[in-house]
C-alpha atoms as a PDB file:
ATOM      1  CA  MET A   1      92.490  70.165  96.059  1.00  0.00           C
ATOM      2  CA  SER A   2      94.678  72.526  94.122  1.00  0.00           C
ATOM      3  CA  GLY A   3      98.123  73.647  94.912  1.00  0.00           C
ATOM      4  CA  THR A   4      96.600  77.389  95.433  1.00  0.00           C
ATOM      5  CA  LEU A   5      94.542  75.824  98.782  1.00  0.00           C
ATOM      6  CA  MET A   6      97.448  73.834  99.398  1.00  0.00           C
ATOM      7  CA  ILE A   7      99.630  76.826  99.352  1.00  0.00           C
ATOM      8  CA  HIS A   8      96.866  79.402 100.963  1.00  0.00           C
ATOM      9  CA  GLY A   9      97.012  76.721 103.736  1.00  0.00           C
ATOM     10  CA  MET A  10     100.570  76.780 104.799  1.00  0.00           C
ATOM     11  CA  ARG A  11     101.300  80.594 104.439  1.00  0.00           C
ATOM     12  CA  SER A  12      97.734  80.787 107.526  1.00  0.00           C
ATOM     13  CA  ALA A  13      99.979  77.949 109.216  1.00  0.00           C
ATOM     14  CA  PHE A  14     103.038  79.660 108.573  1.00  0.00           C
ATOM     15  CA  TYR A  15     101.786  82.587 110.222  1.00  0.00           C
ATOM     16  CA  ASN A  16     100.268  81.248 113.126  1.00  0.00           C
ATOM     17  CA  ARG A  17     102.827  78.526 114.228  1.00  0.00           C
ATOM     18  CA  LYS A  18     103.727  80.080 117.075  1.00  0.00           C
ATOM     19  CA  LYS A  19     100.356  79.087 118.413  1.00  0.00           C
ATOM     20  CA  ARG A  20     101.063  75.278 117.959  1.00  0.00           C
ATOM     21  CA  GLU A  21     103.406  72.880 118.301  1.00  0.00           C
ATOM     22  CA  ASN A  22     103.764  70.201 115.733  1.00  0.00           C
ATOM     23  CA  GLY A  23     105.882  68.485 112.490  1.00  0.00           C
ATOM     24  CA  VAL A  24     105.142  71.029 110.296  1.00  0.00           C
ATOM     25  CA  THR A  25     105.702  74.270 112.275  1.00  0.00           C
ATOM     26  CA  ALA A  26     109.112  72.665 113.606  1.00  0.00           C
ATOM     27  CA  PHE A  27     109.957  72.478 109.804  1.00  0.00           C
ATOM     28  CA  MET A  28     109.114  76.132 109.438  1.00  0.00           C
ATOM     29  CA  GLU A  29     110.641  77.005 112.055  1.00  0.00           C
ATOM     30  CA  ARG A  30     113.604  75.545 111.097  1.00  0.00           C
ATOM     31  CA  LEU A  31     113.680  77.252 107.455  1.00  0.00           C
ATOM     32  CA  VAL A  32     112.967  80.694 109.299  1.00  0.00           C
ATOM     33  CA  GLU A  33     116.175  79.878 111.652  1.00  0.00           C
ATOM     34  CA  ARG A  34     118.266  78.856 108.023  1.00  0.00           C
ATOM     35  CA  GLY A  35     117.374  82.847 106.747  1.00  0.00           C
ATOM     36  CA  MET A  36     115.050  81.598 104.152  1.00  0.00           C
ATOM     37  CA  HIS A  37     112.090  84.101 102.088  1.00  0.00           C
ATOM     38  CA  THR A  38     108.309  83.462 103.520  1.00  0.00           C
ATOM     39  CA  ASN A  39     107.198  82.425  99.914  1.00  0.00           C
ATOM     40  CA  LYS A  40     109.782  79.711  99.939  1.00  0.00           C
ATOM     41  CA  ILE A  41     108.810  78.370 103.432  1.00  0.00           C
ATOM     42  CA  VAL A  42     105.509  78.257 102.435  1.00  0.00           C
ATOM     43  CA  VAL A  43     105.369  76.568  98.860  1.00  0.00           C
ATOM     44  CA  ALA A  44     108.806  73.951 100.420  1.00  0.00           C
ATOM     45  CA  SER A  45     105.612  73.447 103.420  1.00  0.00           C
ATOM     46  CA  ALA A  46     102.968  72.332 100.874  1.00  0.00           C
ATOM     47  CA  ASN A  47     104.687  70.417  99.080  1.00  0.00           C
ATOM     48  CA  LYS A  48     105.400  68.337 101.763  1.00  0.00           C
ATOM     49  CA  ALA A  49     101.899  68.484 103.228  1.00  0.00           C
ATOM     50  CA  ALA A  50     101.061  67.176  99.476  1.00  0.00           C
ATOM     51  CA  ARG A  51     103.713  64.469  99.194  1.00  0.00           C
ATOM     52  CA  ILE A  52     101.981  62.653 102.717  1.00  0.00           C
ATOM     53  CA  ILE A  53      98.575  63.583 101.261  1.00  0.00           C
ATOM     54  CA  TRP A  54      99.650  61.375  98.151  1.00  0.00           C
ATOM     55  CA  ALA A  55     101.649  58.684 100.161  1.00  0.00           C
ATOM     56  CA  ILE A  56      99.239  57.998 102.495  1.00  0.00           C
ATOM     57  CA  LEU A  57      96.108  57.879 100.013  1.00  0.00           C
ATOM     58  CA  ILE A  58      98.919  55.141  97.866  1.00  0.00           C
ATOM     59  CA  THR A  59      99.671  53.308 100.575  1.00  0.00           C
ATOM     60  CA  ASN A  60      95.746  52.939 101.776  1.00  0.00           C
ATOM     61  CA  THR A  61      97.488  53.642 105.456  1.00  0.00           C
ATOM     62  CA  LEU A  62      96.930  56.055 108.618  1.00  0.00           C
ATOM     63  CA  PHE A  63      98.851  59.445 108.942  1.00  0.00           C
ATOM     64  CA  GLN A  64     101.195  58.228 111.426  1.00  0.00           C
ATOM     65  CA  PRO A  65     102.586  61.729 112.103  1.00  0.00           C
ATOM     66  CA  LEU A  66     105.564  60.787 114.396  1.00  0.00           C
ATOM     67  CA  SER A  67     107.391  59.463 111.076  1.00  0.00           C
ATOM     68  CA  ALA A  68     106.584  62.255 109.315  1.00  0.00           C
END
């Protein structure tokens, strides 16, 4: 998946974060509370998701959302 697609997906997740409660939306809310700009939040979230995906692929394990 390209970086642009990750960013577009996270932008959608950012604008719909009130509809779901999970680790990604909680992360985004903490950044909003700190006063971070929307674009920075979106890119930081995409980076976090990419790192999680990379770690899952490298270690060949199942995703465990509580440890993320």
